[in-house]
N, C-alpha and C. Protein backbone atom coordinates (compact mmCIF):
# COMPACT_ATOMS: atom_id res chain seq x y z
N UNK A 1 77.13 10.19 8.14
CA UNK A 1 77.95 9.91 6.98
C UNK A 1 78.45 8.47 7.02
N UNK A 2 79.34 8.08 6.11
CA UNK A 2 79.83 6.71 6.00
C UNK A 2 80.84 6.34 7.07
N UNK A 3 81.43 5.22 6.87
CA UNK A 3 82.41 4.73 7.83
C UNK A 3 83.75 5.43 7.65
N UNK A 4 84.55 5.41 8.70
CA UNK A 4 85.88 6.02 8.67
C UNK A 4 86.81 5.14 7.83
N UNK A 5 87.76 5.76 7.15
CA UNK A 5 88.70 4.99 6.32
C UNK A 5 89.42 3.88 7.09
N UNK A 6 89.79 4.14 8.33
CA UNK A 6 90.47 3.11 9.13
C UNK A 6 89.57 1.90 9.38
N UNK A 7 88.28 2.14 9.56
CA UNK A 7 87.33 1.04 9.76
C UNK A 7 87.21 0.20 8.49
N UNK A 8 87.16 0.87 7.36
CA UNK A 8 87.05 0.16 6.09
C UNK A 8 88.30 -0.67 5.85
N UNK A 9 89.48 -0.09 6.09
CA UNK A 9 90.74 -0.81 5.91
C UNK A 9 90.81 -2.03 6.81
N UNK A 10 90.39 -1.89 8.06
CA UNK A 10 90.41 -3.02 8.99
C UNK A 10 89.46 -4.11 8.53
N UNK A 11 88.31 -3.73 8.01
CA UNK A 11 87.34 -4.70 7.50
C UNK A 11 87.92 -5.45 6.29
N UNK A 12 88.59 -4.73 5.42
CA UNK A 12 89.21 -5.36 4.24
C UNK A 12 90.28 -6.35 4.69
N UNK A 13 91.10 -5.98 5.65
CA UNK A 13 92.16 -6.88 6.13
C UNK A 13 91.57 -8.14 6.76
N UNK A 14 90.49 -8.00 7.53
CA UNK A 14 89.83 -9.18 8.12
C UNK A 14 89.29 -10.08 7.03
N UNK A 15 88.69 -9.48 6.01
CA UNK A 15 88.13 -10.26 4.90
C UNK A 15 89.24 -11.00 4.16
N UNK A 16 90.35 -10.32 3.90
CA UNK A 16 91.49 -10.97 3.23
C UNK A 16 92.00 -12.15 4.03
N UNK A 17 92.12 -11.98 5.33
CA UNK A 17 92.61 -13.06 6.18
C UNK A 17 91.66 -14.26 6.13
N UNK A 18 90.35 -13.99 6.19
CA UNK A 18 89.36 -15.07 6.13
C UNK A 18 89.42 -15.79 4.80
N UNK A 19 89.55 -15.03 3.72
CA UNK A 19 89.62 -15.65 2.39
C UNK A 19 90.86 -16.51 2.26
N UNK A 20 91.97 -16.05 2.82
CA UNK A 20 93.19 -16.86 2.80
C UNK A 20 93.02 -18.17 3.54
N UNK A 21 92.36 -18.12 4.69
CA UNK A 21 92.09 -19.34 5.45
C UNK A 21 91.17 -20.27 4.68
N UNK A 22 90.13 -19.70 4.06
CA UNK A 22 89.20 -20.51 3.27
C UNK A 22 89.92 -21.18 2.10
N UNK A 23 90.81 -20.45 1.44
CA UNK A 23 91.55 -20.99 0.32
C UNK A 23 92.46 -22.13 0.78
N UNK A 24 93.13 -21.94 1.91
CA UNK A 24 93.98 -23.00 2.45
C UNK A 24 93.17 -24.26 2.74
N UNK A 25 91.99 -24.09 3.33
CA UNK A 25 91.13 -25.23 3.65
C UNK A 25 90.69 -25.95 2.39
N UNK A 26 90.27 -25.20 1.38
CA UNK A 26 89.84 -25.82 0.13
C UNK A 26 91.00 -26.54 -0.57
N UNK A 27 92.18 -25.96 -0.52
CA UNK A 27 93.35 -26.59 -1.13
C UNK A 27 93.65 -27.91 -0.44
N UNK A 28 93.60 -27.92 0.89
CA UNK A 28 93.84 -29.16 1.64
C UNK A 28 92.81 -30.23 1.28
N UNK A 29 91.55 -29.83 1.18
CA UNK A 29 90.50 -30.78 0.83
C UNK A 29 90.70 -31.30 -0.58
N UNK A 30 91.05 -30.43 -1.50
CA UNK A 30 91.26 -30.85 -2.88
C UNK A 30 92.45 -31.78 -3.02
N UNK A 31 93.51 -31.52 -2.28
CA UNK A 31 94.70 -32.36 -2.34
C UNK A 31 94.44 -33.75 -1.77
N UNK A 32 93.45 -33.88 -0.91
CA UNK A 32 93.19 -35.18 -0.29
C UNK A 32 92.20 -36.02 -1.10
N UNK A 33 91.70 -35.51 -2.21
CA UNK A 33 90.76 -36.28 -3.02
C UNK A 33 91.48 -37.45 -3.69
N UNK A 34 90.81 -38.59 -3.84
CA UNK A 34 91.44 -39.73 -4.50
C UNK A 34 91.86 -39.36 -5.93
N UNK A 35 93.05 -39.79 -6.30
CA UNK A 35 93.53 -39.54 -7.65
C UNK A 35 94.11 -38.16 -7.84
N UNK A 36 94.09 -37.35 -6.82
CA UNK A 36 94.60 -35.98 -6.91
C UNK A 36 96.07 -35.98 -6.52
N UNK A 37 96.88 -35.32 -7.32
CA UNK A 37 98.30 -35.23 -7.04
C UNK A 37 98.63 -33.82 -6.58
N UNK A 38 99.55 -33.69 -5.62
CA UNK A 38 99.94 -32.36 -5.17
C UNK A 38 100.61 -31.56 -6.29
N UNK A 39 101.00 -30.38 -6.02
CA UNK A 39 101.67 -29.49 -6.97
C UNK A 39 100.76 -29.14 -8.13
N UNK A 40 99.56 -28.74 -7.82
CA UNK A 40 98.66 -28.26 -8.86
C UNK A 40 98.07 -29.35 -9.72
N UNK A 41 98.08 -30.58 -9.24
CA UNK A 41 97.45 -31.67 -9.99
C UNK A 41 98.35 -32.27 -11.05
N UNK A 42 99.61 -31.92 -11.04
CA UNK A 42 100.52 -32.50 -12.02
C UNK A 42 100.79 -33.95 -11.68
N UNK A 43 100.86 -34.76 -12.70
CA UNK A 43 101.15 -36.17 -12.51
C UNK A 43 102.61 -36.43 -12.85
N UNK A 44 103.18 -37.44 -12.24
CA UNK A 44 104.55 -37.81 -12.62
C UNK A 44 104.59 -38.17 -14.10
N UNK A 45 105.69 -37.91 -14.76
CA UNK A 45 105.78 -38.21 -16.17
C UNK A 45 105.56 -39.71 -16.41
N UNK A 46 104.85 -40.04 -17.44
CA UNK A 46 104.57 -41.43 -17.75
C UNK A 46 103.30 -41.96 -17.11
N UNK A 47 102.72 -41.22 -16.19
CA UNK A 47 101.49 -41.69 -15.56
C UNK A 47 100.29 -41.28 -16.43
N UNK A 48 99.22 -42.04 -16.30
CA UNK A 48 98.02 -41.75 -17.09
C UNK A 48 96.84 -41.53 -16.17
N UNK A 49 95.87 -40.80 -16.67
CA UNK A 49 94.63 -40.59 -15.93
C UNK A 49 93.79 -41.85 -16.02
N UNK A 50 93.23 -42.25 -14.92
CA UNK A 50 92.34 -43.42 -14.91
C UNK A 50 91.01 -43.05 -15.56
N UNK A 51 90.41 -43.99 -16.30
CA UNK A 51 89.12 -43.69 -16.94
C UNK A 51 88.00 -43.53 -15.95
């Protein structure tokens, strides 16, 4: 038969943890891009996007 419910739950928790780490890594990389501002890419008021 299939896997035990506890095994499935443990697998889901490991996957969630990995996805969280991947998201953190991607966020750090995105924040370090030139012209990228923290806080979701919001720019200070009065600033303009470079062409």
